[in-house]
Amino acid sequence: MHDSESDMSHPTNKNEEYCLSLKKIGIDAEAKPLDTDEAEKENYYSKYFANSPAMVTNHGVITLKGSNIDEVQIIQRG
C-alpha cells in the first residue's frame, strides 16, 4: 500500500516558513536572499545603552505586498 503523501521533503529556511505562515492568513509575503537589502547593511542597535546586545544575527528580510509595511527584517539578539 502506498501513502498519499510523498516521502520527499523540501528544505526551507525560517524566512520561507514565515512567508508560508503569513500566506495562510492572507498576507502576500516573499523572502529575499540574505544580505541583498540595504537595511541589512546598517547597525541594528546602538551600543551606548545597557539593554542593547553586542551581538546580533541577521536572518534576512521578508517583503510584504499589499500592506502598509514594505519589509520586515528578521534578526536575532543575543
N, C-alpha and C. Protein backbone atom coordinates (compact mmCIF):
# COMPACT_ATOMS: atom_id res chain seq x y z
N MET A 1 0.83 -1.18 0.00
CA MET A 1 0.00 0.00 0.00
C MET A 1 0.87 1.24 0.00
N HIS A 2 0.41 2.24 -0.69
CA HIS A 2 1.16 3.49 -0.79
C HIS A 2 0.45 4.60 -0.02
N ASP A 3 1.23 5.41 0.64
CA ASP A 3 0.68 6.58 1.31
C ASP A 3 0.37 7.65 0.28
N SER A 4 -0.57 8.52 0.61
CA SER A 4 -0.91 9.60 -0.31
C SER A 4 0.12 10.72 -0.27
N GLU A 5 0.93 10.80 0.78
CA GLU A 5 1.96 11.83 0.87
C GLU A 5 3.28 11.27 0.38
N SER A 6 4.04 12.13 -0.29
CA SER A 6 5.34 11.68 -0.78
C SER A 6 6.36 11.74 0.35
N ASP A 7 7.42 10.97 0.21
CA ASP A 7 8.47 10.93 1.22
C ASP A 7 9.47 12.05 1.03
N MET A 8 9.38 12.78 -0.07
CA MET A 8 10.35 13.83 -0.36
C MET A 8 10.00 15.09 0.44
N SER A 9 10.99 15.65 1.10
CA SER A 9 10.77 16.90 1.83
C SER A 9 11.52 18.01 1.11
N HIS A 10 10.98 19.19 1.19
CA HIS A 10 11.60 20.35 0.56
C HIS A 10 12.19 21.22 1.67
N PRO A 11 13.52 21.34 1.70
CA PRO A 11 14.12 22.15 2.76
C PRO A 11 13.77 23.62 2.58
N THR A 12 13.39 24.27 3.66
CA THR A 12 13.09 25.70 3.63
C THR A 12 13.83 26.36 4.77
N ASN A 13 14.12 27.63 4.57
CA ASN A 13 14.72 28.36 5.68
C ASN A 13 13.62 29.01 6.50
N LYS A 14 13.97 29.61 7.62
CA LYS A 14 12.98 30.19 8.53
C LYS A 14 12.16 31.28 7.85
N ASN A 15 12.79 32.10 7.03
CA ASN A 15 12.05 33.18 6.37
C ASN A 15 10.99 32.63 5.42
N GLU A 16 11.30 31.55 4.72
CA GLU A 16 10.31 30.93 3.85
C GLU A 16 9.17 30.34 4.68
N GLU A 17 9.49 29.79 5.85
CA GLU A 17 8.44 29.28 6.74
C GLU A 17 7.55 30.42 7.23
N TYR A 18 8.16 31.57 7.57
CA TYR A 18 7.38 32.73 7.99
C TYR A 18 6.46 33.19 6.85
N CYS A 19 6.97 33.20 5.63
CA CYS A 19 6.17 33.61 4.48
C CYS A 19 4.98 32.67 4.28
N LEU A 20 5.21 31.38 4.41
CA LEU A 20 4.11 30.42 4.28
C LEU A 20 3.06 30.64 5.37
N SER A 21 3.51 30.94 6.58
CA SER A 21 2.57 31.22 7.67
C SER A 21 1.76 32.48 7.39
N LEU A 22 2.42 33.50 6.85
CA LEU A 22 1.72 34.74 6.51
C LEU A 22 0.71 34.52 5.39
N LYS A 23 1.09 33.70 4.41
CA LYS A 23 0.17 33.42 3.30
C LYS A 23 -1.08 32.69 3.77
N LYS A 24 -0.94 31.88 4.82
CA LYS A 24 -2.10 31.16 5.36
C LYS A 24 -3.13 32.10 5.95
N ILE A 25 -2.69 33.29 6.40
CA ILE A 25 -3.63 34.25 6.97
C ILE A 25 -3.92 35.39 6.00
N GLY A 26 -3.55 35.21 4.74
CA GLY A 26 -3.93 36.15 3.70
C GLY A 26 -2.97 37.29 3.43
N ILE A 27 -1.74 37.20 3.92
CA ILE A 27 -0.74 38.23 3.66
C ILE A 27 0.26 37.70 2.65
N ASP A 28 0.39 38.41 1.53
CA ASP A 28 1.32 38.00 0.47
C ASP A 28 2.73 38.44 0.87
N ALA A 29 3.62 37.49 1.05
CA ALA A 29 4.98 37.78 1.51
C ALA A 29 5.99 36.98 0.69
N GLU A 30 7.19 37.55 0.57
CA GLU A 30 8.26 36.90 -0.19
C GLU A 30 9.58 37.08 0.56
N ALA A 31 10.33 36.00 0.74
CA ALA A 31 11.62 36.05 1.41
C ALA A 31 12.69 36.50 0.42
N LYS A 32 13.47 37.48 0.82
CA LYS A 32 14.58 37.96 -0.01
C LYS A 32 15.84 37.15 0.34
N PRO A 33 16.75 37.01 -0.60
CA PRO A 33 18.03 36.35 -0.29
C PRO A 33 18.79 37.15 0.77
N LEU A 34 19.56 36.46 1.57
CA LEU A 34 20.32 37.06 2.65
C LEU A 34 21.34 38.07 2.12
N ASP A 35 21.49 39.19 2.82
CA ASP A 35 22.46 40.25 2.51
C ASP A 35 22.24 40.92 1.16
N THR A 36 21.00 41.05 0.73
CA THR A 36 20.73 41.73 -0.54
C THR A 36 19.99 43.05 -0.34
N ASP A 37 19.60 43.36 0.89
CA ASP A 37 18.82 44.57 1.16
C ASP A 37 19.68 45.59 1.89
N GLU A 38 19.42 46.89 1.63
CA GLU A 38 20.18 47.96 2.28
C GLU A 38 19.99 47.96 3.80
N ALA A 39 18.82 47.58 4.27
CA ALA A 39 18.56 47.57 5.72
C ALA A 39 19.48 46.60 6.45
N GLU A 40 19.94 45.58 5.78
CA GLU A 40 20.80 44.58 6.41
C GLU A 40 22.23 45.07 6.59
N LYS A 41 22.59 46.14 5.92
CA LYS A 41 23.96 46.63 5.99
C LYS A 41 24.17 47.66 7.10
N GLU A 42 23.10 48.10 7.75
CA GLU A 42 23.18 49.10 8.82
C GLU A 42 23.37 48.42 10.17
N ASN A 43 23.80 49.21 11.17
CA ASN A 43 23.88 48.70 12.54
C ASN A 43 22.47 48.52 13.07
N TYR A 44 22.26 47.45 13.81
CA TYR A 44 20.94 47.13 14.32
C TYR A 44 20.63 47.86 15.62
N TYR A 45 21.61 47.94 16.50
CA TYR A 45 21.41 48.53 17.81
C TYR A 45 22.59 49.41 18.15
N SER A 46 22.33 50.40 18.96
CA SER A 46 23.39 51.25 19.47
C SER A 46 24.02 50.56 20.67
N LYS A 47 25.30 50.66 20.80
CA LYS A 47 25.98 50.05 21.94
C LYS A 47 26.14 51.04 23.10
N TYR A 48 25.48 52.21 22.98
CA TYR A 48 25.55 53.21 24.05
C TYR A 48 24.58 52.91 25.19
N PHE A 49 23.65 52.00 24.99
CA PHE A 49 22.65 51.71 26.00
C PHE A 49 22.88 50.31 26.57
N ALA A 50 22.65 50.14 27.85
CA ALA A 50 22.93 48.87 28.53
C ALA A 50 22.08 47.72 28.02
N ASN A 51 20.86 47.96 27.59
CA ASN A 51 19.98 46.88 27.15
C ASN A 51 20.21 46.45 25.71
N SER A 52 21.10 47.11 25.01
CA SER A 52 21.38 46.73 23.62
C SER A 52 22.41 45.62 23.58
N PRO A 53 22.11 44.52 22.91
CA PRO A 53 23.06 43.41 22.85
C PRO A 53 24.25 43.74 21.95
N ALA A 54 25.38 43.17 22.26
CA ALA A 54 26.57 43.40 21.45
C ALA A 54 26.55 42.55 20.19
N MET A 55 25.90 41.40 20.24
CA MET A 55 25.88 40.50 19.08
C MET A 55 24.45 40.38 18.54
N VAL A 56 24.31 40.59 17.24
CA VAL A 56 23.02 40.47 16.57
C VAL A 56 23.23 39.65 15.31
N THR A 57 22.37 38.66 15.08
CA THR A 57 22.47 37.82 13.89
C THR A 57 21.37 38.22 12.91
N ASN A 58 21.75 38.51 11.70
CA ASN A 58 20.82 38.87 10.64
C ASN A 58 20.26 37.59 10.01
N HIS A 59 18.94 37.49 9.96
CA HIS A 59 18.31 36.33 9.34
C HIS A 59 17.59 36.68 8.05
N GLY A 60 17.79 37.90 7.55
CA GLY A 60 17.23 38.27 6.25
C GLY A 60 16.03 39.18 6.34
N VAL A 61 15.43 39.42 5.17
CA VAL A 61 14.32 40.36 5.03
C VAL A 61 13.16 39.66 4.33
N ILE A 62 11.94 39.96 4.78
CA ILE A 62 10.73 39.49 4.14
C ILE A 62 10.01 40.70 3.56
N THR A 63 9.64 40.64 2.29
CA THR A 63 8.90 41.71 1.63
C THR A 63 7.42 41.40 1.70
N LEU A 64 6.63 42.37 2.17
CA LEU A 64 5.18 42.23 2.25
C LEU A 64 4.55 43.00 1.11
N LYS A 65 3.57 42.41 0.46
CA LYS A 65 2.90 43.05 -0.66
C LYS A 65 1.46 43.39 -0.28
N GLY A 66 0.99 44.55 -0.71
CA GLY A 66 -0.37 44.95 -0.42
C GLY A 66 -0.58 45.32 1.04
N SER A 67 0.44 45.87 1.67
CA SER A 67 0.37 46.22 3.08
C SER A 67 1.01 47.59 3.29
N ASN A 68 0.72 48.22 4.40
CA ASN A 68 1.38 49.48 4.75
C ASN A 68 2.83 49.27 5.13
N ILE A 69 3.19 48.05 5.45
CA ILE A 69 4.56 47.69 5.80
C ILE A 69 5.21 47.07 4.57
N ASP A 70 6.34 47.64 4.14
CA ASP A 70 7.01 47.15 2.94
C ASP A 70 7.89 45.93 3.21
N GLU A 71 8.71 46.03 4.26
CA GLU A 71 9.66 44.96 4.56
C GLU A 71 9.73 44.73 6.06
N VAL A 72 10.08 43.49 6.42
CA VAL A 72 10.30 43.12 7.81
C VAL A 72 11.67 42.45 7.86
N GLN A 73 12.55 42.98 8.70
CA GLN A 73 13.87 42.37 8.85
C GLN A 73 13.84 41.44 10.05
N ILE A 74 14.31 40.21 9.85
CA ILE A 74 14.33 39.21 10.91
C ILE A 74 15.74 39.18 11.49
N ILE A 75 15.86 39.52 12.79
CA ILE A 75 17.16 39.49 13.46
C ILE A 75 17.04 38.70 14.75
N GLN A 76 18.18 38.23 15.23
CA GLN A 76 18.24 37.50 16.49
C GLN A 76 19.20 38.24 17.40
N ARG A 77 18.72 38.62 18.56
CA ARG A 77 19.60 39.28 19.53
C ARG A 77 20.19 38.22 20.43
N GLY A 78 21.38 38.50 20.90
CA GLY A 78 21.91 37.51 21.81
C GLY A 78 23.32 37.70 22.06
